[in-house]
Amino acid sequence: RAAVAVSLESGEILGAQLVASPQQIANLRSWNFDVFEMDRALRGGLRGEPMAAAGWALLEDGGLANHFSLDPAKTAKFLSELQRSYVASVTYHNHLHGIDVAQTVHFFLTTGGLGAHCEPWERLSLVVAALAHDAGHWGLNNHWLNAVDDPLAVTYNYLSPLENMHASKALSLLVTPGCDLLANPSVPMREVRSLVVELILGTDAAHHAVHLAELRAAISSNRQETGGAPNPLHALSAEGGSAFFEGFPRGTEWLARDAASRRLVLKATLRSADVSNPCKPWAYYTEWADRIVQEFFHQGDLERAAGLPSAPGFDRGKVTCAADRARAQLGFINFVVGPQFEALGEVVRLGDSALRHLAENKAEWEKVVSAAGE
């Protein structure tokens, strides 16, 4: 089959068969993939757009482009327009974040083994949702939009306005002539559309606790029915290292036959990828952490000017030292990322790197707090 080839090294659309080296495929399936490195290569004189290059490579490597006979030209156009729908001036919630999350999802599907339990259209939905999950984000959260009665909040009845907007942008592109890559008989469009929306709406952090509880309940229920044992996950600690995760998830065969629980796992997979930065190498993680802090402070400035209260971490006047930032990251790790990945590790093979980095990064922040005498 003729296909557009997009190389992660060259970023070129070649119009022939896929040109991908074993190293490129290994990078796509690696936990240590670096989207900034890819972006620098493309901006350093090589032709191509990051989302088109990475998106097509992910669809090819996952076997989705071939399975669904995706039209190369439409796919490239969709990915190019999707990148443009992201706000380039936003420091964190930009197209590079979309690529980073999609690649992390790809890791879960391939190296993590989750894809073996999923229908091809579910895998396609997850990759598309990951790429599009923050499209149009301008660096201000739902709390701000609702507090100022932003038209977007009013449009969506003050319920997950950003996530609804992201999903709407994705669906609009998917039916735009020339971008409608899923418009072929092999794609169950209604099912894909429904799942893409559900997955993107599931990234609203306001629902994190509820979704995590649902996931844990599904895992526990199915384990009891199948007699499977829990994975030997250990509490996160500075000494945890590689002992934080051992072995391949056991007793997960139920995922292949329980569609409802599988949807919960797919939502958890995207949510986990969305908050995965603390599980990446320190330099990569802290680059993203610096970027999100810039967005937080920008919103905090607007809130101060409007006479509105700011959430912890948004008021730059109250984040005055390294220890303040460290405490914020430790809270994020302890109450969001750690529990999320512990649950996901019951159904996805996380391997050593993710949880080792999480333990090491937690230890680094603890050192910062300790050095401040607290």
Protein backbone atom coordinates (compact mmCIF):
# COMPACT_ATOMS: atom_id res chain seq x y z
CA ARG A 1 0.00 0.00 0.00
CA ALA A 2 1.31 3.43 -0.89
CA ALA A 3 1.64 5.63 2.16
CA VAL A 4 2.96 8.96 3.23
CA ALA A 5 6.14 8.40 5.18
CA VAL A 6 6.91 10.77 8.00
CA SER A 7 10.28 10.23 9.58
CA LEU A 8 10.85 11.39 13.14
CA GLU A 9 14.40 12.24 12.08
CA SER A 10 13.67 14.05 8.82
CA GLY A 11 10.10 15.14 9.44
CA GLU A 12 9.53 14.82 5.69
CA ILE A 13 6.36 13.66 3.98
CA LEU A 14 7.87 11.48 1.29
CA GLY A 15 4.83 10.03 -0.49
CA ALA A 16 6.25 6.53 -0.61
CA GLN A 17 6.56 3.66 1.83
CA LEU A 18 7.24 4.42 5.48
CA VAL A 19 10.90 5.13 6.13
CA ALA A 20 11.57 4.30 9.74
CA SER A 21 14.73 2.91 11.27
CA PRO A 22 14.69 0.42 14.14
CA GLN A 23 15.97 3.22 16.37
CA GLN A 24 13.01 5.42 15.46
CA ILE A 25 10.57 2.64 16.33
CA ALA A 26 12.44 1.99 19.58
CA ASN A 27 12.21 5.68 20.45
CA LEU A 28 8.46 5.70 19.85
CA ARG A 29 8.05 2.82 22.26
CA SER A 30 10.51 4.17 24.82
CA TRP A 31 9.51 5.75 28.10
CA ASN A 32 12.33 8.26 27.62
CA PHE A 33 11.10 9.75 24.33
CA ASP A 34 11.95 13.48 24.24
CA VAL A 35 9.51 15.66 22.30
CA PHE A 36 11.72 18.73 22.77
CA GLU A 37 14.59 16.96 21.05
CA MET A 38 12.33 16.09 18.13
CA ASP A 39 11.07 19.67 17.93
CA ARG A 40 14.62 21.06 17.96
CA ALA A 41 15.57 18.75 15.09
CA LEU A 42 12.61 19.89 13.00
CA ARG A 43 13.25 23.57 13.73
CA GLY A 44 16.94 23.11 13.01
CA GLY A 45 16.41 23.01 9.28
CA LEU A 46 14.64 19.70 8.72
CA ARG A 47 11.28 19.93 7.01
CA GLY A 48 8.06 18.93 8.69
CA GLU A 49 5.67 19.73 11.50
CA PRO A 50 6.04 17.96 14.85
CA MET A 51 2.45 16.73 15.13
CA ALA A 52 2.35 15.47 11.55
CA ALA A 53 5.70 13.73 11.98
CA ALA A 54 4.94 12.15 15.34
CA GLY A 55 1.24 11.50 14.72
CA TRP A 56 1.76 9.61 11.49
CA ALA A 57 4.65 7.63 12.96
CA LEU A 58 2.49 6.61 15.94
CA LEU A 59 -0.38 5.51 13.69
CA GLU A 60 2.03 3.54 11.50
CA ASP A 61 3.94 1.91 14.35
CA GLY A 62 0.71 0.91 16.06
CA GLY A 63 -0.51 -0.74 12.85
CA LEU A 64 -3.54 1.54 12.76
CA ALA A 65 -2.77 3.32 9.50
CA ASN A 66 -2.58 0.00 7.70
CA HIS A 67 -5.46 -1.70 9.53
CA PHE A 68 -7.90 1.10 8.73
CA SER A 69 -6.37 2.02 5.37
CA LEU A 70 -6.04 5.62 6.53
CA ASP A 71 -5.65 8.03 3.67
CA PRO A 72 -2.12 9.48 3.97
CA ALA A 73 -2.97 12.90 2.58
CA LYS A 74 -6.03 13.30 4.81
CA THR A 75 -4.10 12.09 7.83
CA ALA A 76 -1.29 14.56 7.21
CA LYS A 77 -3.80 17.38 6.71
CA PHE A 78 -5.71 16.46 9.88
CA LEU A 79 -2.52 16.38 11.94
CA SER A 80 -1.29 19.66 10.47
CA GLU A 81 -4.58 21.42 11.19
CA LEU A 82 -4.71 19.87 14.65
CA GLN A 83 -1.32 21.37 15.45
CA ARG A 84 -2.58 24.76 14.28
CA SER A 85 -5.57 24.46 16.60
CA TYR A 86 -3.21 24.49 19.57
CA VAL A 87 -2.13 27.95 20.79
CA ALA A 88 1.59 28.19 20.05
CA SER A 89 2.24 30.91 22.64
CA VAL A 90 0.94 28.77 25.52
CA THR A 91 3.93 27.41 27.42
CA TYR A 92 2.57 24.06 28.64
CA HIS A 93 -0.75 23.15 27.02
CA ASN A 94 0.57 23.35 23.46
CA HIS A 95 0.99 20.90 20.60
CA LEU A 96 4.20 19.50 22.08
CA HIS A 97 2.26 18.47 25.17
CA GLY A 98 -0.28 16.79 22.88
CA ILE A 99 2.52 14.84 21.19
CA ASP A 100 4.13 13.96 24.52
CA VAL A 101 0.85 12.57 25.86
CA ALA A 102 0.13 10.65 22.63
CA GLN A 103 3.58 9.06 22.68
CA THR A 104 3.12 8.07 26.31
CA VAL A 105 -0.23 6.50 25.42
CA HIS A 106 1.56 4.66 22.61
CA PHE A 107 4.03 3.31 25.17
CA PHE A 108 1.15 1.97 27.27
CA LEU A 109 -0.44 0.33 24.22
CA THR A 110 2.76 -1.25 22.86
CA THR A 111 5.50 -1.74 25.43
CA GLY A 112 2.91 -1.72 28.22
CA GLY A 113 0.86 -4.45 26.55
CA LEU A 114 -2.52 -2.73 26.87
CA GLY A 115 -3.12 -2.82 23.13
CA ALA A 116 -3.38 -6.61 23.20
CA HIS A 117 -6.64 -6.29 25.14
CA CYS A 118 -8.20 -3.60 22.95
CA GLU A 119 -10.11 -3.52 19.68
CA PRO A 120 -8.22 -1.69 16.90
CA TRP A 121 -10.84 1.09 16.83
CA GLU A 122 -10.34 1.62 20.56
CA ARG A 123 -6.60 2.01 20.07
CA LEU A 124 -7.25 4.44 17.22
CA SER A 125 -9.64 6.44 19.39
CA LEU A 126 -7.11 6.63 22.21
CA VAL A 127 -4.30 7.91 19.97
CA VAL A 128 -6.54 10.50 18.29
CA ALA A 129 -7.91 11.65 21.66
CA ALA A 130 -4.41 11.95 23.09
CA LEU A 131 -3.19 14.07 20.19
CA ALA A 132 -6.24 16.34 20.41
CA HIS A 133 -6.95 16.35 24.13
CA ASP A 134 -5.85 19.98 24.75
CA ALA A 135 -6.53 21.50 21.31
CA GLY A 136 -7.37 25.18 21.65
CA HIS A 137 -6.21 25.45 25.27
CA TRP A 138 -5.04 29.01 25.99
CA GLY A 139 -3.39 28.38 29.35
CA LEU A 140 -6.29 29.26 31.65
CA ASN A 141 -8.18 26.54 33.49
CA ASN A 142 -11.85 25.76 34.01
CA HIS A 143 -11.86 27.48 37.40
CA TRP A 144 -10.97 30.77 35.72
CA LEU A 145 -13.42 30.33 32.86
CA ASN A 146 -16.28 29.58 35.24
CA ALA A 147 -15.35 32.35 37.68
CA VAL A 148 -15.44 35.08 35.02
CA ASP A 149 -18.49 33.69 33.18
CA ASP A 150 -16.41 33.20 30.05
CA PRO A 151 -18.57 32.51 26.97
CA LEU A 152 -17.01 29.06 26.73
CA ALA A 153 -18.17 28.26 30.27
CA VAL A 154 -21.66 29.52 29.47
CA THR A 155 -21.77 27.49 26.24
CA TYR A 156 -21.02 24.29 28.12
CA ASN A 157 -23.14 25.05 31.18
CA TYR A 158 -20.06 25.49 33.39
CA LEU A 159 -19.29 21.77 33.05
CA SER A 160 -15.77 20.94 31.84
CA PRO A 161 -15.78 23.82 29.34
CA LEU A 162 -12.18 23.30 28.24
CA GLU A 163 -12.52 19.56 27.73
CA ASN A 164 -15.77 20.01 25.83
CA MET A 165 -14.06 22.57 23.61
CA HIS A 166 -11.08 20.25 22.98
CA ALA A 167 -13.42 17.42 21.99
CA SER A 168 -15.46 19.70 19.78
CA LYS A 169 -12.36 20.87 17.92
CA ALA A 170 -11.30 17.28 17.33
CA LEU A 171 -14.71 16.24 16.02
CA SER A 172 -14.98 19.33 13.82
CA LEU A 173 -11.66 18.53 12.18
CA LEU A 174 -12.62 14.88 11.68
CA VAL A 175 -15.59 15.93 9.50
CA THR A 176 -13.77 18.72 7.67
CA PRO A 177 -13.24 17.86 3.98
CA GLY A 178 -9.62 16.96 3.42
CA CYS A 179 -9.09 16.22 7.12
CA ASP A 180 -11.67 13.45 7.43
CA LEU A 181 -9.15 10.62 7.76
CA LEU A 182 -11.71 8.34 9.45
CA ALA A 183 -14.28 8.66 6.67
CA ASN A 184 -13.91 5.18 5.25
CA PRO A 185 -15.98 2.00 5.66
CA SER A 186 -13.35 0.25 7.78
CA VAL A 187 -13.71 2.76 10.62
CA PRO A 188 -16.71 2.45 12.99
CA MET A 189 -17.06 6.22 13.05
CA ARG A 190 -19.92 6.45 15.55
CA GLU A 191 -18.06 4.33 18.10
CA VAL A 192 -14.77 6.16 17.56
CA ARG A 193 -16.44 9.54 17.87
CA SER A 194 -18.17 8.56 21.11
CA LEU A 195 -15.00 7.17 22.68
CA VAL A 196 -12.84 10.13 21.64
CA VAL A 197 -15.28 12.48 23.37
CA GLU A 198 -15.47 10.31 26.49
CA LEU A 199 -11.69 10.06 26.70
CA ILE A 200 -11.09 13.79 26.33
CA LEU A 201 -13.81 14.68 28.83
CA GLY A 202 -12.15 12.24 31.21
CA THR A 203 -9.03 14.41 31.38
CA ASP A 204 -10.80 17.06 33.50
CA ALA A 205 -8.77 17.00 36.71
CA ALA A 206 -11.89 17.86 38.69
CA HIS A 207 -13.07 14.28 38.18
CA HIS A 208 -9.74 12.61 39.01
CA ALA A 209 -10.83 11.13 42.36
CA VAL A 210 -14.10 9.74 40.98
CA HIS A 211 -12.46 8.17 37.93
CA LEU A 212 -9.67 6.67 40.05
CA ALA A 213 -12.20 5.14 42.44
CA GLU A 214 -14.14 3.66 39.50
CA LEU A 215 -10.96 2.16 38.07
CA ARG A 216 -9.95 0.63 41.38
CA ALA A 217 -13.43 -0.82 41.86
CA ALA A 218 -13.38 -2.39 38.38
CA ILE A 219 -9.94 -3.91 38.96
CA SER A 220 -10.94 -5.28 42.36
CA SER A 221 -14.22 -6.70 41.10
CA ASN A 222 -12.69 -8.45 38.13
CA ARG A 223 -9.78 -9.76 40.18
CA GLN A 224 -12.19 -11.36 42.63
CA GLU A 225 -14.14 -12.95 39.79
CA THR A 226 -11.03 -14.28 38.04
CA GLY A 227 -9.01 -15.06 41.14
CA GLY A 228 -6.13 -12.90 39.93
CA ALA A 229 -3.60 -11.58 42.41
CA PRO A 230 -2.67 -7.92 42.68
CA ASN A 231 0.61 -6.72 41.28
CA PRO A 232 3.44 -6.35 43.78
CA LEU A 233 3.39 -2.56 43.76
CA HIS A 234 5.16 -0.93 46.66
CA ALA A 235 4.53 2.37 48.36
CA LEU A 236 6.43 5.20 46.74
CA SER A 237 9.49 6.18 48.74
CA ALA A 238 12.88 7.73 48.24
CA GLU A 239 14.36 4.22 48.46
CA GLY A 240 11.68 2.66 46.27
CA GLY A 241 13.64 2.72 43.03
CA SER A 242 13.08 -0.29 40.79
CA ALA A 243 11.28 -2.15 43.60
CA PHE A 244 8.28 0.11 43.11
CA PHE A 245 7.10 -2.19 40.32
CA GLU A 246 7.79 -5.83 39.65
CA GLY A 247 6.55 -8.11 36.94
CA PHE A 248 3.89 -8.12 34.25
CA PRO A 249 0.28 -7.35 35.23
CA ARG A 250 -1.40 -10.63 36.11
CA GLY A 251 -5.03 -11.57 35.80
CA THR A 252 -5.85 -8.93 33.19
CA GLU A 253 -7.54 -11.24 30.69
CA TRP A 254 -10.89 -9.82 31.77
CA LEU A 255 -10.07 -6.62 29.91
CA ALA A 256 -10.55 -8.35 26.58
CA ARG A 257 -14.11 -9.41 27.40
CA ASP A 258 -15.35 -6.57 29.65
CA ALA A 259 -15.94 -3.59 27.38
CA ALA A 260 -17.27 -1.33 30.14
CA SER A 261 -14.25 -1.85 32.38
CA ARG A 262 -11.98 -1.51 29.38
CA ARG A 263 -13.36 1.99 28.75
CA LEU A 264 -12.48 2.89 32.34
CA VAL A 265 -8.94 1.65 31.73
CA LEU A 266 -8.67 3.59 28.47
CA LYS A 267 -9.75 6.77 30.28
CA ALA A 268 -7.21 6.06 33.01
CA THR A 269 -4.55 5.51 30.37
CA LEU A 270 -5.06 8.95 28.84
CA ARG A 271 -5.33 10.59 32.24
CA SER A 272 -2.12 8.86 33.36
CA ALA A 273 -0.29 10.01 30.24
CA ASP A 274 -1.58 13.53 30.84
CA VAL A 275 0.03 13.65 34.32
CA SER A 276 3.07 11.51 33.54
CA ASN A 277 5.76 14.21 33.62
CA PRO A 278 6.91 13.36 37.18
CA CYS A 279 7.54 9.80 35.95
CA LYS A 280 10.00 10.97 33.28
CA PRO A 281 13.74 11.78 33.60
CA TRP A 282 14.43 14.74 35.90
CA ALA A 283 15.59 17.23 33.24
CA TYR A 284 12.60 16.47 31.01
CA TYR A 285 10.16 16.54 33.90
CA THR A 286 11.41 19.85 35.29
CA GLU A 287 11.23 21.47 31.85
CA TRP A 288 7.52 20.70 31.81
CA ALA A 289 7.18 21.74 35.46
CA ASP A 290 8.72 25.13 34.65
CA ARG A 291 6.27 25.56 31.81
CA ILE A 292 3.16 24.79 33.84
CA VAL A 293 4.29 27.17 36.59
CA GLN A 294 4.44 29.96 34.01
CA GLU A 295 0.81 29.25 33.08
CA PHE A 296 -0.23 29.12 36.72
CA PHE A 297 1.41 32.45 37.48
CA HIS A 298 -0.16 34.07 34.43
CA GLN A 299 -3.61 32.98 35.59
CA GLY A 300 -2.80 34.09 39.12
CA ASP A 301 -1.93 37.56 37.84
CA LEU A 302 -5.28 37.76 36.05
CA GLU A 303 -7.10 36.56 39.15
CA ARG A 304 -5.37 39.18 41.30
CA ALA A 305 -6.28 41.91 38.82
CA ALA A 306 -9.90 40.74 38.82
CA GLY A 307 -10.07 40.55 42.61
CA LEU A 308 -10.49 36.77 42.56
CA PRO A 309 -8.82 34.28 44.91
CA SER A 310 -6.07 32.08 43.52
CA ALA A 311 -5.55 28.38 44.09
CA PRO A 312 -2.32 27.26 45.79
CA GLY A 313 0.59 27.54 43.37
CA PHE A 314 -1.03 30.20 41.18
CA ASP A 315 -0.10 33.29 43.23
CA ARG A 316 3.51 34.12 42.39
CA GLY A 317 3.70 36.20 45.57
CA LYS A 318 3.23 33.04 47.63
CA VAL A 319 5.70 30.87 45.70
CA THR A 320 8.84 32.67 46.79
CA CYS A 321 11.45 29.93 47.09
CA ALA A 322 12.49 26.53 45.73
CA ALA A 323 10.90 24.80 48.73
CA ASP A 324 7.48 26.23 47.83
CA ARG A 325 7.74 24.76 44.37
CA ALA A 326 9.04 21.47 45.77
CA ARG A 327 6.10 21.13 48.14
CA ALA A 328 3.67 21.73 45.29
CA GLN A 329 5.29 19.00 43.20
CA LEU A 330 5.39 16.60 46.15
CA GLY A 331 1.67 17.12 46.66
CA PHE A 332 1.06 16.42 42.97
CA ILE A 333 3.14 13.23 43.15
CA ASN A 334 1.69 11.95 46.42
CA PHE A 335 -1.98 12.66 45.80
CA VAL A 336 -2.37 12.49 42.01
CA VAL A 337 0.45 10.84 40.06
CA GLY A 338 1.45 8.13 42.53
CA PRO A 339 -2.08 6.77 43.13
CA GLN A 340 -2.91 7.05 39.42
CA PHE A 341 0.11 5.05 38.31
CA GLU A 342 -0.29 2.52 41.10
CA ALA A 343 -3.77 1.72 39.82
CA LEU A 344 -2.73 1.74 36.17
CA GLY A 345 0.12 -0.61 36.99
CA GLU A 346 -2.46 -3.27 37.78
CA VAL A 347 -3.43 -3.50 34.10
CA VAL A 348 -0.47 -2.07 32.18
CA ARG A 349 3.14 -3.19 32.25
CA LEU A 350 4.83 0.03 33.37
CA GLY A 351 8.30 -1.43 33.56
CA ASP A 352 11.12 -0.09 35.68
CA SER A 353 11.82 3.35 34.21
CA ALA A 354 8.56 5.17 34.95
CA LEU A 355 8.31 4.28 38.60
CA ARG A 356 12.04 4.53 39.20
CA HIS A 357 11.98 8.09 37.84
CA LEU A 358 8.94 8.86 39.97
CA ALA A 359 10.69 7.67 43.13
CA GLU A 360 13.92 9.46 42.26
CA ASN A 361 12.15 12.70 41.37
CA LYS A 362 10.19 12.59 44.61
CA ALA A 363 13.46 12.17 46.48
CA GLU A 364 14.94 15.20 44.71
CA TRP A 365 12.04 17.41 45.80
CA GLU A 366 12.31 16.06 49.34
CA LYS A 367 15.96 17.11 49.38
CA VAL A 368 14.96 20.64 48.40
CA VAL A 369 12.44 20.83 51.22
CA SER A 370 14.94 19.34 53.67
CA ALA A 371 17.63 21.83 52.65
CA ALA A 372 15.22 24.64 53.51
CA GLY A 373 15.06 23.30 57.05
CA GLU A 374 11.47 22.10 56.86
